[in-house]
Amino acid sequence: MVIVHISNHVCAISYWMMLFANRYEIVEGEHTLWTGLSKPYRETIRAFLTYFQDQILRRQDETFCFSNGSIGNFFFAGARIFFLSLDAAIFLFSRVSGIPAQSLVLPVISTNDRLTLGCELLDGSIIRGQNAISHPSSGALGPVKKDASANPALPSRIKRIFYISSEGSNSLHEVFPSPHPTVLERLKEVDCIVYAMGSLFTSICPSLVLKGVGEAIASRSCPKVLLLNSSHDRETAGFTAISFVAAITDALNRTHGDAHNCLQNSPKSYVNTLFVPRDGQVPVEAERLADLGITELVVVDSVHDSKVGQIYDPKSLIQALADLLRK
């Protein structure tokens, strides 16, 4: 789909002048990426790309690097700033990108506050910012690579993920945002809970550490499925399946946060089924998982992707989830 192709386009250009020219052509609607896109769609997307760029240029006290940025993220950010509403931006993005109307996409946090992800390592050090955690930039332009070998190793493993306020002069002021009420409501109604593939600590855990999410998931008796990644990245170097389950459990229990707000639930309260991609690189310890109460292991066919390696075969994954729900 042309719209998805544009949204996924990354500004990875070798020289700054080429980067500027590339970005200018996209914003002005002259880039070849627009080919095949109808005028209403093109003008809608361009309007918010232009608005985002204008807002960035107005901030004289801050700099912004467009290199390695996703055009889809720029469009989404422009919509959020314009509407002053994350929900409204998601609604617009869903319609423009053709997400089925019966699908419900919710922000886990609904706020206009400027928040940043932070993580504490086991050695006590703090890293601020999602990019710095998962794929720190060397300063050179080029495509973002998240696999473990493409980035320098972390000094030690990640202990916890948390939110930092970007307002004010204190760059390490931890905050505790509330989850979107509708997210908690839906967790109490769904037939299945799925922890998707992706960056464990910067994509999945930030949605789990919010107060109320662990309580909602633990209270359910439905299938709770972890889709195990096929390979490691900087965040999970050396991890096994047990390590993934432990990280999710700690996040939902808020184990390393405020002692007055932590939970003591077991891993099987949060994960009772593990999907594993065939030919994946992450070790799976079936006996140890069974000891934790996770006895449902499903191997799903995978396909090779030239950029990231083995990934779940979409049709096989859909079928596996359907089979699970029919049990």
C-alpha atoms as a PDB file:
ATOM      1  CA  MET A   1       0.000   0.000   0.000  1.00  0.00           C
ATOM      2  CA  VAL A   2       1.430   3.376  -1.017  1.00  0.00           C
ATOM      3  CA  ILE A   3       0.498   5.096   2.265  1.00  0.00           C
ATOM      4  CA  VAL A   4       2.250   2.436   4.336  1.00  0.00           C
ATOM      5  CA  HIS A   5       5.293   2.708   2.052  1.00  0.00           C
ATOM      6  CA  ILE A   6       5.492   6.456   2.726  1.00  0.00           C
ATOM      7  CA  SER A   7       4.948   6.028   6.481  1.00  0.00           C
ATOM      8  CA  ASN A   8       7.760   3.491   6.687  1.00  0.00           C
ATOM      9  CA  HIS A   9      10.214   5.611   4.708  1.00  0.00           C
ATOM     10  CA  VAL A  10      13.267   6.550   6.745  1.00  0.00           C
ATOM     11  CA  CYS A  11      15.436   9.587   6.033  1.00  0.00           C
ATOM     12  CA  ALA A  12      18.774   7.746   5.861  1.00  0.00           C
ATOM     13  CA  ILE A  13      20.888   9.859   3.492  1.00  0.00           C
ATOM     14  CA  SER A  14      24.667   9.983   3.235  1.00  0.00           C
ATOM     15  CA  TYR A  15      25.134  13.757   3.286  1.00  0.00           C
ATOM     16  CA  TRP A  16      23.360  16.599   5.083  1.00  0.00           C
ATOM     17  CA  MET A  17      22.522  18.454   1.854  1.00  0.00           C
ATOM     18  CA  MET A  18      21.047  15.310   0.363  1.00  0.00           C
ATOM     19  CA  LEU A  19      19.099  14.767   3.571  1.00  0.00           C
ATOM     20  CA  PHE A  20      17.687  18.283   3.420  1.00  0.00           C
ATOM     21  CA  ALA A  21      16.777  17.904  -0.261  1.00  0.00           C
ATOM     22  CA  ASN A  22      15.142  14.544   0.375  1.00  0.00           C
ATOM     23  CA  ARG A  23      13.062  15.942   3.249  1.00  0.00           C
ATOM     24  CA  TYR A  24      12.126  19.041   1.218  1.00  0.00           C
ATOM     25  CA  GLU A  25      10.890  16.933  -1.709  1.00  0.00           C
ATOM     26  CA  ILE A  26       8.749  14.816   0.621  1.00  0.00           C
ATOM     27  CA  VAL A  27       7.217  17.807   2.410  1.00  0.00           C
ATOM     28  CA  GLU A  28       6.586  19.619  -0.888  1.00  0.00           C
ATOM     29  CA  GLY A  29       4.962  16.566  -2.442  1.00  0.00           C
ATOM     30  CA  GLU A  30       7.601  16.230  -5.159  1.00  0.00           C
ATOM     31  CA  HIS A  31       9.259  12.986  -4.008  1.00  0.00           C
ATOM     32  CA  THR A  32       8.698   9.761  -5.947  1.00  0.00           C
ATOM     33  CA  LEU A  33       7.194   8.258  -2.779  1.00  0.00           C
ATOM     34  CA  TRP A  34       3.994  10.179  -3.545  1.00  0.00           C
ATOM     35  CA  THR A  35       3.534   8.389  -6.874  1.00  0.00           C
ATOM     36  CA  GLY A  36       0.207   6.583  -7.001  1.00  0.00           C
ATOM     37  CA  LEU A  37      -1.282   8.407  -4.016  1.00  0.00           C
ATOM     38  CA  SER A  38      -4.491  10.360  -4.560  1.00  0.00           C
ATOM     39  CA  LYS A  39      -4.452  14.133  -4.049  1.00  0.00           C
ATOM     40  CA  PRO A  40      -6.709  14.141  -0.920  1.00  0.00           C
ATOM     41  CA  TYR A  41      -4.438  11.635   0.830  1.00  0.00           C
ATOM     42  CA  ARG A  42      -1.287  13.410  -0.313  1.00  0.00           C
ATOM     43  CA  GLU A  43      -2.467  16.822   0.860  1.00  0.00           C
ATOM     44  CA  THR A  44      -3.665  15.447   4.214  1.00  0.00           C
ATOM     45  CA  ILE A  45      -0.305  13.839   4.945  1.00  0.00           C
ATOM     46  CA  ARG A  46       1.668  16.828   3.648  1.00  0.00           C
ATOM     47  CA  ALA A  47      -0.299  19.248   5.835  1.00  0.00           C
ATOM     48  CA  PHE A  48       0.783  17.535   9.033  1.00  0.00           C
ATOM     49  CA  LEU A  49       4.362  16.959   7.855  1.00  0.00           C
ATOM     50  CA  THR A  50       4.589  20.697   7.157  1.00  0.00           C
ATOM     51  CA  TYR A  51       3.014  21.547  10.501  1.00  0.00           C
ATOM     52  CA  PHE A  52       5.459  19.271  12.337  1.00  0.00           C
ATOM     53  CA  GLN A  53       8.438  20.849  10.566  1.00  0.00           C
ATOM     54  CA  ASP A  54       7.134  24.344  11.349  1.00  0.00           C
ATOM     55  CA  GLN A  55       6.773  23.514  15.041  1.00  0.00           C
ATOM     56  CA  ILE A  56      10.313  22.137  15.155  1.00  0.00           C
ATOM     57  CA  LEU A  57      11.755  25.268  13.522  1.00  0.00           C
ATOM     58  CA  ARG A  58       9.935  27.498  16.025  1.00  0.00           C
ATOM     59  CA  ARG A  59      11.842  25.963  18.936  1.00  0.00           C
ATOM     60  CA  GLN A  60      14.966  28.079  18.827  1.00  0.00           C
ATOM     61  CA  ASP A  61      16.370  26.689  22.071  1.00  0.00           C
ATOM     62  CA  GLU A  62      16.281  23.079  20.859  1.00  0.00           C
ATOM     63  CA  THR A  63      17.758  21.182  17.930  1.00  0.00           C
ATOM     64  CA  PHE A  64      16.156  18.299  16.092  1.00  0.00           C
ATOM     65  CA  CYS A  65      17.867  15.770  13.843  1.00  0.00           C
ATOM     66  CA  PHE A  66      15.658  14.443  11.047  1.00  0.00           C
ATOM     67  CA  SER A  67      18.150  11.735  10.049  1.00  0.00           C
ATOM     68  CA  ASN A  68      16.894   8.162  10.532  1.00  0.00           C
ATOM     69  CA  GLY A  69      13.454   9.556  11.325  1.00  0.00           C
ATOM     70  CA  SER A  70      10.309   7.769  10.194  1.00  0.00           C
ATOM     71  CA  ILE A  71       8.027   9.825   7.937  1.00  0.00           C
ATOM     72  CA  GLY A  72       5.093   8.072   9.573  1.00  0.00           C
ATOM     73  CA  ASN A  73       6.264   9.228  12.997  1.00  0.00           C
ATOM     74  CA  PHE A  74       6.693  12.812  11.739  1.00  0.00           C
ATOM     75  CA  PHE A  75       3.131  12.776  10.381  1.00  0.00           C
ATOM     76  CA  PHE A  76       1.796  11.311  13.626  1.00  0.00           C
ATOM     77  CA  ALA A  77       3.704  13.831  15.762  1.00  0.00           C
ATOM     78  CA  GLY A  78       2.396  16.710  13.642  1.00  0.00           C
ATOM     79  CA  ALA A  79      -1.173  15.495  14.128  1.00  0.00           C
ATOM     80  CA  ARG A  80      -0.726  15.112  17.887  1.00  0.00           C
ATOM     81  CA  ILE A  81       0.696  18.627  18.264  1.00  0.00           C
ATOM     82  CA  PHE A  82      -2.036  20.110  16.063  1.00  0.00           C
ATOM     83  CA  PHE A  83      -4.964  18.419  17.808  1.00  0.00           C
ATOM     84  CA  LEU A  84      -3.386  18.530  21.289  1.00  0.00           C
ATOM     85  CA  SER A  85      -4.750  15.013  21.641  1.00  0.00           C
ATOM     86  CA  LEU A  86      -3.059  11.648  21.270  1.00  0.00           C
ATOM     87  CA  ASP A  87      -6.433   9.956  20.766  1.00  0.00           C
ATOM     88  CA  ALA A  88      -7.302  12.297  17.884  1.00  0.00           C
ATOM     89  CA  ALA A  89      -3.899  11.752  16.270  1.00  0.00           C
ATOM     90  CA  ILE A  90      -4.332   7.978  16.473  1.00  0.00           C
ATOM     91  CA  PHE A  91      -7.812   8.254  14.962  1.00  0.00           C
ATOM     92  CA  LEU A  92      -6.492  10.281  12.009  1.00  0.00           C
ATOM     93  CA  PHE A  93      -3.470   8.039  11.486  1.00  0.00           C
ATOM     94  CA  SER A  94      -5.695   4.939  11.591  1.00  0.00           C
ATOM     95  CA  ARG A  95      -7.999   6.314   8.926  1.00  0.00           C
ATOM     96  CA  VAL A  96      -5.246   7.618   6.647  1.00  0.00           C
ATOM     97  CA  SER A  97      -3.218   4.399   6.851  1.00  0.00           C
ATOM     98  CA  GLY A  98      -6.251   2.187   6.246  1.00  0.00           C
ATOM     99  CA  ILE A  99      -6.384   0.368   9.581  1.00  0.00           C
ATOM    100  CA  PRO A 100      -9.735  -1.512   9.627  1.00  0.00           C
ATOM    101  CA  ALA A 101     -12.454   0.546  11.312  1.00  0.00           C
ATOM    102  CA  GLN A 102     -13.378  -2.365  13.595  1.00  0.00           C
ATOM    103  CA  SER A 103      -9.860  -2.336  15.057  1.00  0.00           C
ATOM    104  CA  LEU A 104      -9.402  -0.269  18.203  1.00  0.00           C
ATOM    105  CA  VAL A 105      -6.029   1.430  18.615  1.00  0.00           C
ATOM    106  CA  LEU A 106      -5.508   3.042  22.025  1.00  0.00           C
ATOM    107  CA  PRO A 107      -2.627   4.987  23.567  1.00  0.00           C
ATOM    108  CA  VAL A 108      -1.638   3.365  26.836  1.00  0.00           C
ATOM    109  CA  ILE A 109      -1.115   6.905  28.189  1.00  0.00           C
ATOM    110  CA  SER A 110      -3.241   9.844  27.112  1.00  0.00           C
ATOM    111  CA  THR A 111      -1.391  13.019  28.006  1.00  0.00           C
ATOM    112  CA  ASN A 112       0.154  16.047  26.348  1.00  0.00           C
ATOM    113  CA  ASP A 113       2.991  16.131  28.880  1.00  0.00           C
ATOM    114  CA  ARG A 114       6.450  15.635  27.428  1.00  0.00           C
ATOM    115  CA  LEU A 115       7.612  12.270  28.715  1.00  0.00           C
ATOM    116  CA  THR A 116      10.827  10.400  28.037  1.00  0.00           C
ATOM    117  CA  LEU A 117      11.708   6.771  28.656  1.00  0.00           C
ATOM    118  CA  GLY A 118      14.524   6.002  31.032  1.00  0.00           C
ATOM    119  CA  CYS A 119      16.071   2.765  32.191  1.00  0.00           C
ATOM    120  CA  GLU A 120      18.112   1.691  35.181  1.00  0.00           C
ATOM    121  CA  LEU A 121      20.754  -0.966  34.620  1.00  0.00           C
ATOM    122  CA  LEU A 122      21.736  -3.640  37.110  1.00  0.00           C
ATOM    123  CA  ASP A 123      24.969  -1.733  37.773  1.00  0.00           C
ATOM    124  CA  GLY A 124      22.918   1.284  38.903  1.00  0.00           C
ATOM    125  CA  SER A 125      23.573   3.506  35.900  1.00  0.00           C
ATOM    126  CA  ILE A 126      20.745   5.405  34.189  1.00  0.00           C
ATOM    127  CA  ILE A 127      20.155   5.808  30.446  1.00  0.00           C
ATOM    128  CA  ARG A 128      17.773   8.520  29.266  1.00  0.00           C
ATOM    129  CA  GLY A 129      15.862   8.273  25.992  1.00  0.00           C
ATOM    130  CA  GLN A 130      14.529   5.390  23.911  1.00  0.00           C
ATOM    131  CA  ASN A 131      17.152   5.719  21.175  1.00  0.00           C
ATOM    132  CA  ALA A 132      20.002   5.837  23.679  1.00  0.00           C
ATOM    133  CA  ILE A 133      18.687   2.619  25.227  1.00  0.00           C
ATOM    134  CA  SER A 134      17.990   0.565  22.116  1.00  0.00           C
ATOM    135  CA  HIS A 135      20.094   1.922  19.239  1.00  0.00           C
ATOM    136  CA  PRO A 136      22.410   4.804  20.208  1.00  0.00           C
ATOM    137  CA  SER A 137      23.537   6.936  17.299  1.00  0.00           C
ATOM    138  CA  SER A 138      27.199   7.317  16.439  1.00  0.00           C
ATOM    139  CA  GLY A 139      26.448  10.645  14.801  1.00  0.00           C
ATOM    140  CA  ALA A 140      26.742   9.224  11.302  1.00  0.00           C
ATOM    141  CA  LEU A 141      23.743   9.015   9.006  1.00  0.00           C
ATOM    142  CA  GLY A 142      22.459   5.653   7.911  1.00  0.00           C
ATOM    143  CA  PRO A 143      19.699   3.134   8.484  1.00  0.00           C
ATOM    144  CA  VAL A 144      18.786   2.289  12.072  1.00  0.00           C
ATOM    145  CA  LYS A 145      19.981  -1.185  13.040  1.00  0.00           C
ATOM    146  CA  LYS A 146      18.596  -2.765  16.198  1.00  0.00           C
ATOM    147  CA  ASP A 147      20.225  -6.196  16.162  1.00  0.00           C
ATOM    148  CA  ALA A 148      22.655  -6.882  18.991  1.00  0.00           C
ATOM    149  CA  SER A 149      25.768  -6.945  16.797  1.00  0.00           C
ATOM    150  CA  ALA A 150      25.045  -3.532  15.239  1.00  0.00           C
ATOM    151  CA  ASN A 151      25.244  -1.570  18.501  1.00  0.00           C
ATOM    152  CA  PRO A 152      27.670  -1.429  21.430  1.00  0.00           C
ATOM    153  CA  ALA A 153      26.642  -3.718  24.272  1.00  0.00           C
ATOM    154  CA  LEU A 154      25.006  -2.267  27.363  1.00  0.00           C
ATOM    155  CA  PRO A 155      27.332  -2.062  30.410  1.00  0.00           C
ATOM    156  CA  SER A 156      24.945  -4.446  32.181  1.00  0.00           C
ATOM    157  CA  ARG A 157      21.445  -5.795  31.752  1.00  0.00           C
ATOM    158  CA  ILE A 158      18.391  -3.584  32.122  1.00  0.00           C
ATOM    159  CA  LYS A 159      16.832  -3.706  35.573  1.00  0.00           C
ATOM    160  CA  ARG A 160      13.744  -1.597  34.969  1.00  0.00           C
ATOM    161  CA  ILE A 161      12.151   0.887  32.604  1.00  0.00           C
ATOM    162  CA  PHE A 162      10.472   4.085  33.812  1.00  0.00           C
ATOM    163  CA  TYR A 163       9.124   7.452  32.694  1.00  0.00           C
ATOM    164  CA  ILE A 164      10.953  10.766  33.038  1.00  0.00           C
ATOM    165  CA  SER A 165       9.430  14.216  32.788  1.00  0.00           C
ATOM    166  CA  SER A 166      10.946  16.300  29.996  1.00  0.00           C
ATOM    167  CA  GLU A 167       9.659  19.502  31.578  1.00  0.00           C
ATOM    168  CA  GLY A 168      11.845  21.719  33.741  1.00  0.00           C
ATOM    169  CA  SER A 169      15.557  21.585  34.407  1.00  0.00           C
ATOM    170  CA  ASN A 170      15.669  18.231  36.224  1.00  0.00           C
ATOM    171  CA  SER A 171      16.280  15.734  33.426  1.00  0.00           C
ATOM    172  CA  LEU A 172      15.969  12.707  35.742  1.00  0.00           C
ATOM    173  CA  HIS A 173      12.683  13.524  37.457  1.00  0.00           C
ATOM    174  CA  GLU A 174      10.779  10.221  37.492  1.00  0.00           C
ATOM    175  CA  VAL A 175       7.027  10.452  36.992  1.00  0.00           C
ATOM    176  CA  PHE A 176       4.219   7.924  37.243  1.00  0.00           C
ATOM    177  CA  PRO A 177       1.615   8.590  34.528  1.00  0.00           C
ATOM    178  CA  SER A 178      -1.789   6.939  34.754  1.00  0.00           C
ATOM    179  CA  PRO A 179      -2.885   4.460  32.091  1.00  0.00           C
ATOM    180  CA  HIS A 180      -5.653   5.354  29.675  1.00  0.00           C
ATOM    181  CA  PRO A 181      -8.937   4.311  31.408  1.00  0.00           C
ATOM    182  CA  THR A 182     -10.222   2.607  28.261  1.00  0.00           C
ATOM    183  CA  VAL A 183      -7.125   0.378  28.165  1.00  0.00           C
ATOM    184  CA  LEU A 184      -7.935  -0.970  31.633  1.00  0.00           C
ATOM    185  CA  GLU A 185     -11.582  -1.431  30.684  1.00  0.00           C
ATOM    186  CA  ARG A 186     -10.698  -3.372  27.543  1.00  0.00           C
ATOM    187  CA  LEU A 187      -8.225  -5.603  29.388  1.00  0.00           C
ATOM    188  CA  LYS A 188     -11.145  -6.801  31.507  1.00  0.00           C
ATOM    189  CA  GLU A 189     -13.196  -7.728  28.425  1.00  0.00           C
ATOM    190  CA  VAL A 190     -10.833  -9.192  25.813  1.00  0.00           C
ATOM    191  CA  ASP A 191     -10.725 -12.899  24.914  1.00  0.00           C
ATOM    192  CA  CYS A 192      -6.935 -13.022  24.695  1.00  0.00           C
ATOM    193  CA  ILE A 193      -3.966 -10.899  25.754  1.00  0.00           C
ATOM    194  CA  VAL A 194      -0.945 -10.911  23.428  1.00  0.00           C
ATOM    195  CA  TYR A 195       2.507  -9.499  24.171  1.00  0.00           C
ATOM    196  CA  ALA A 196       3.740  -8.737  20.668  1.00  0.00           C
ATOM    197  CA  MET A 197       7.184  -9.022  19.101  1.00  0.00           C
ATOM    198  CA  GLY A 198       9.438  -5.999  19.323  1.00  0.00           C
ATOM    199  CA  SER A 199      11.907  -4.258  21.590  1.00  0.00           C
ATOM    200  CA  LEU A 200      11.220  -5.771  24.999  1.00  0.00           C
ATOM    201  CA  PHE A 201      12.174  -2.844  27.210  1.00  0.00           C
ATOM    202  CA  THR A 202      11.428   0.154  24.982  1.00  0.00           C
ATOM    203  CA  SER A 203       8.301  -1.071  23.172  1.00  0.00           C
ATOM    204  CA  ILE A 204       6.543  -3.625  25.386  1.00  0.00           C
ATOM    205  CA  CYS A 205       7.464  -2.929  29.021  1.00  0.00           C
ATOM    206  CA  PRO A 206       6.561   0.806  28.946  1.00  0.00           C
ATOM    207  CA  SER A 207       2.921  -0.237  28.529  1.00  0.00           C
ATOM    208  CA  LEU A 208       3.163  -2.740  31.375  1.00  0.00           C
ATOM    209  CA  VAL A 209       4.760  -0.731  34.195  1.00  0.00           C
ATOM    210  CA  LEU A 210       1.774   1.595  34.610  1.00  0.00           C
ATOM    211  CA  LYS A 211      -0.212   1.145  37.807  1.00  0.00           C
ATOM    212  CA  GLY A 212      -3.351  -0.866  37.191  1.00  0.00           C
ATOM    213  CA  VAL A 213      -2.155  -2.794  34.146  1.00  0.00           C
ATOM    214  CA  GLY A 214      -0.643  -5.656  36.150  1.00  0.00           C
ATOM    215  CA  GLU A 215      -3.736  -5.857  38.319  1.00  0.00           C
ATOM    216  CA  ALA A 216      -6.028  -6.003  35.277  1.00  0.00           C
ATOM    217  CA  ILE A 217      -4.054  -8.720  33.480  1.00  0.00           C
ATOM    218  CA  ALA A 218      -3.559 -10.871  36.589  1.00  0.00           C
ATOM    219  CA  SER A 219      -7.306 -10.869  37.238  1.00  0.00           C
ATOM    220  CA  ARG A 220      -8.060 -12.530  33.882  1.00  0.00           C
ATOM    221  CA  SER A 221      -8.227 -16.265  33.187  1.00  0.00           C
ATOM    222  CA  CYS A 222      -7.995 -15.923  29.390  1.00  0.00           C
ATOM    223  CA  PRO A 223      -5.029 -16.979  27.209  1.00  0.00           C
ATOM    224  CA  LYS A 224      -2.051 -14.689  27.789  1.00  0.00           C
ATOM    225  CA  VAL A 225       0.384 -15.168  24.942  1.00  0.00           C
ATOM    226  CA  LEU A 226       3.991 -14.037  24.636  1.00  0.00           C
ATOM    227  CA  LEU A 227       5.200 -13.902  21.033  1.00  0.00           C
ATOM    228  CA  LEU A 228       8.882 -14.633  21.547  1.00  0.00           C
ATOM    229  CA  ASN A 229      11.281 -12.648  19.383  1.00  0.00           C
ATOM    230  CA  SER A 230      13.273 -14.612  16.836  1.00  0.00           C
ATOM    231  CA  SER A 231      16.581 -12.942  17.688  1.00  0.00           C
ATOM    232  CA  HIS A 232      18.324 -10.709  20.202  1.00  0.00           C
ATOM    233  CA  ASP A 233      18.872  -6.973  20.107  1.00  0.00           C
ATOM    234  CA  ARG A 234      20.911  -4.591  22.270  1.00  0.00           C
ATOM    235  CA  GLU A 235      18.267  -4.704  25.011  1.00  0.00           C
ATOM    236  CA  THR A 236      18.087  -8.497  25.227  1.00  0.00           C
ATOM    237  CA  ALA A 237      21.589  -9.753  24.404  1.00  0.00           C
ATOM    238  CA  GLY A 238      22.015 -13.214  25.921  1.00  0.00           C
ATOM    239  CA  PHE A 239      18.357 -13.551  26.918  1.00  0.00           C
ATOM    240  CA  THR A 240      16.490 -16.853  26.938  1.00  0.00           C
ATOM    241  CA  ALA A 241      12.716 -17.317  26.891  1.00  0.00           C
ATOM    242  CA  ILE A 242      12.801 -17.367  30.705  1.00  0.00           C
ATOM    243  CA  SER A 243      14.509 -13.957  30.665  1.00  0.00           C
ATOM    244  CA  PHE A 244      11.708 -12.492  28.529  1.00  0.00           C
ATOM    245  CA  VAL A 245       9.048 -13.892  30.863  1.00  0.00           C
ATOM    246  CA  ALA A 246      10.917 -12.580  33.919  1.00  0.00           C
ATOM    247  CA  ALA A 247      11.192  -9.073  32.427  1.00  0.00           C
ATOM    248  CA  ILE A 248       7.470  -8.971  31.640  1.00  0.00           C
ATOM    249  CA  THR A 249       6.627 -10.261  35.120  1.00  0.00           C
ATOM    250  CA  ASP A 250       8.850  -7.672  36.804  1.00  0.00           C
ATOM    251  CA  ALA A 251       7.331  -4.883  34.697  1.00  0.00           C
ATOM    252  CA  LEU A 252       3.740  -5.857  35.500  1.00  0.00           C
ATOM    253  CA  ASN A 253       4.566  -6.400  39.183  1.00  0.00           C
ATOM    254  CA  ARG A 254       6.479  -3.098  39.211  1.00  0.00           C
ATOM    255  CA  THR A 255       9.087  -5.098  41.126  1.00  0.00           C
ATOM    256  CA  HIS A 256      11.859  -2.505  41.061  1.00  0.00           C
ATOM    257  CA  GLY A 257       9.704   0.576  41.529  1.00  0.00           C
ATOM    258  CA  ASP A 258       7.965   2.027  44.569  1.00  0.00           C
ATOM    259  CA  ALA A 259       7.828  -0.738  47.206  1.00  0.00           C
ATOM    260  CA  HIS A 260       4.369   0.441  48.285  1.00  0.00           C
ATOM    261  CA  ASN A 261       2.935  -0.103  44.795  1.00  0.00           C
ATOM    262  CA  CYS A 262       4.545  -3.386  43.747  1.00  0.00           C
ATOM    263  CA  LEU A 263       2.727  -6.689  43.222  1.00  0.00           C
ATOM    264  CA  GLN A 264       3.769 -10.249  44.024  1.00  0.00           C
ATOM    265  CA  ASN A 265       2.057 -12.159  41.235  1.00  0.00           C
ATOM    266  CA  SER A 266       3.686 -15.228  39.674  1.00  0.00           C
ATOM    267  CA  PRO A 267       4.793 -15.380  36.021  1.00  0.00           C
ATOM    268  CA  LYS A 268       1.843 -17.619  35.076  1.00  0.00           C
ATOM    269  CA  SER A 269      -0.512 -14.845  36.219  1.00  0.00           C
ATOM    270  CA  TYR A 270       0.735 -12.842  33.244  1.00  0.00           C
ATOM    271  CA  VAL A 271       1.952 -15.405  30.687  1.00  0.00           C
ATOM    272  CA  ASN A 272       0.445 -18.863  30.239  1.00  0.00           C
ATOM    273  CA  THR A 273       1.258 -19.507  26.575  1.00  0.00           C
ATOM    274  CA  LEU A 274       4.464 -19.043  24.600  1.00  0.00           C
ATOM    275  CA  PHE A 275       4.603 -18.784  20.817  1.00  0.00           C
ATOM    276  CA  VAL A 276       8.046 -19.540  19.375  1.00  0.00           C
ATOM    277  CA  PRO A 277       9.113 -18.781  15.785  1.00  0.00           C
ATOM    278  CA  ARG A 278      10.541 -21.791  13.997  1.00  0.00           C
ATOM    279  CA  ASP A 279      14.338 -21.499  13.596  1.00  0.00           C
ATOM    280  CA  GLY A 280      14.468 -18.629  16.097  1.00  0.00           C
ATOM    281  CA  GLN A 281      17.717 -17.820  17.902  1.00  0.00           C
ATOM    282  CA  VAL A 282      16.353 -17.308  21.435  1.00  0.00           C
ATOM    283  CA  PRO A 283      16.819 -20.454  23.585  1.00  0.00           C
ATOM    284  CA  VAL A 284      13.617 -21.948  24.999  1.00  0.00           C
ATOM    285  CA  GLU A 285      13.852 -23.928  28.262  1.00  0.00           C
ATOM    286  CA  ALA A 286      10.626 -25.951  28.164  1.00  0.00           C
ATOM    287  CA  GLU A 287      11.121 -27.681  31.521  1.00  0.00           C
ATOM    288  CA  ARG A 288      11.885 -24.471  33.402  1.00  0.00           C
ATOM    289  CA  LEU A 289       8.919 -22.765  31.777  1.00  0.00           C
ATOM    290  CA  ALA A 290       6.692 -25.670  32.847  1.00  0.00           C
ATOM    291  CA  ASP A 291       7.955 -25.244  36.411  1.00  0.00           C
ATOM    292  CA  LEU A 292       6.656 -21.664  36.220  1.00  0.00           C
ATOM    293  CA  GLY A 293       3.252 -22.897  35.046  1.00  0.00           C
ATOM    294  CA  ILE A 294       3.787 -22.019  31.381  1.00  0.00           C
ATOM    295  CA  THR A 295       3.046 -25.348  29.735  1.00  0.00           C
ATOM    296  CA  GLU A 296       1.532 -24.235  26.422  1.00  0.00           C
ATOM    297  CA  LEU A 297       4.386 -23.903  23.904  1.00  0.00           C
ATOM    298  CA  VAL A 298       3.467 -23.416  20.257  1.00  0.00           C
ATOM    299  CA  VAL A 299       6.054 -23.431  17.461  1.00  0.00           C
ATOM    300  CA  VAL A 300       4.890 -21.185  14.613  1.00  0.00           C
ATOM    301  CA  ASP A 301       6.264 -21.273  11.075  1.00  0.00           C
ATOM    302  CA  SER A 302       8.578 -18.401  10.217  1.00  0.00           C
ATOM    303  CA  VAL A 303       9.841 -16.712   7.069  1.00  0.00           C
ATOM    304  CA  HIS A 304      13.135 -14.977   6.386  1.00  0.00           C
ATOM    305  CA  ASP A 305      13.202 -11.199   6.180  1.00  0.00           C
ATOM    306  CA  SER A 306      16.277  -9.679   4.548  1.00  0.00           C
ATOM    307  CA  LYS A 307      16.449  -6.863   7.125  1.00  0.00           C
ATOM    308  CA  VAL A 308      15.713  -8.592  10.438  1.00  0.00           C
ATOM    309  CA  GLY A 309      16.123 -12.316   9.806  1.00  0.00           C
ATOM    310  CA  GLN A 310      13.446 -14.819  10.814  1.00  0.00           C
ATOM    311  CA  ILE A 311       9.965 -13.453  11.539  1.00  0.00           C
ATOM    312  CA  TYR A 312       6.625 -15.113  12.139  1.00  0.00           C
ATOM    313  CA  ASP A 313       4.808 -16.160   8.986  1.00  0.00           C
ATOM    314  CA  PRO A 314       1.697 -13.919   9.201  1.00  0.00           C
ATOM    315  CA  LYS A 315      -0.812 -16.555   8.058  1.00  0.00           C
ATOM    316  CA  SER A 316       0.639 -19.194  10.374  1.00  0.00           C
ATOM    317  CA  LEU A 317       0.585 -16.773  13.307  1.00  0.00           C
ATOM    318  CA  ILE A 318      -3.053 -15.842  12.687  1.00  0.00           C
ATOM    319  CA  GLN A 319      -3.976 -19.525  12.443  1.00  0.00           C
ATOM    320  CA  ALA A 320      -2.120 -20.375  15.660  1.00  0.00           C
ATOM    321  CA  LEU A 321      -3.953 -17.630  17.562  1.00  0.00           C
ATOM    322  CA  ALA A 322      -7.290 -18.766  16.113  1.00  0.00           C
ATOM    323  CA  ASP A 323      -6.586 -22.374  17.132  1.00  0.00           C
ATOM    324  CA  LEU A 324      -5.711 -21.237  20.652  1.00  0.00           C
ATOM    325  CA  LEU A 325      -8.962 -19.308  21.036  1.00  0.00           C
ATOM    326  CA  ARG A 326     -10.995 -22.300  19.850  1.00  0.00           C
ATOM    327  CA  LYS A 327      -9.688 -24.521  22.646  1.00  0.00           C
END
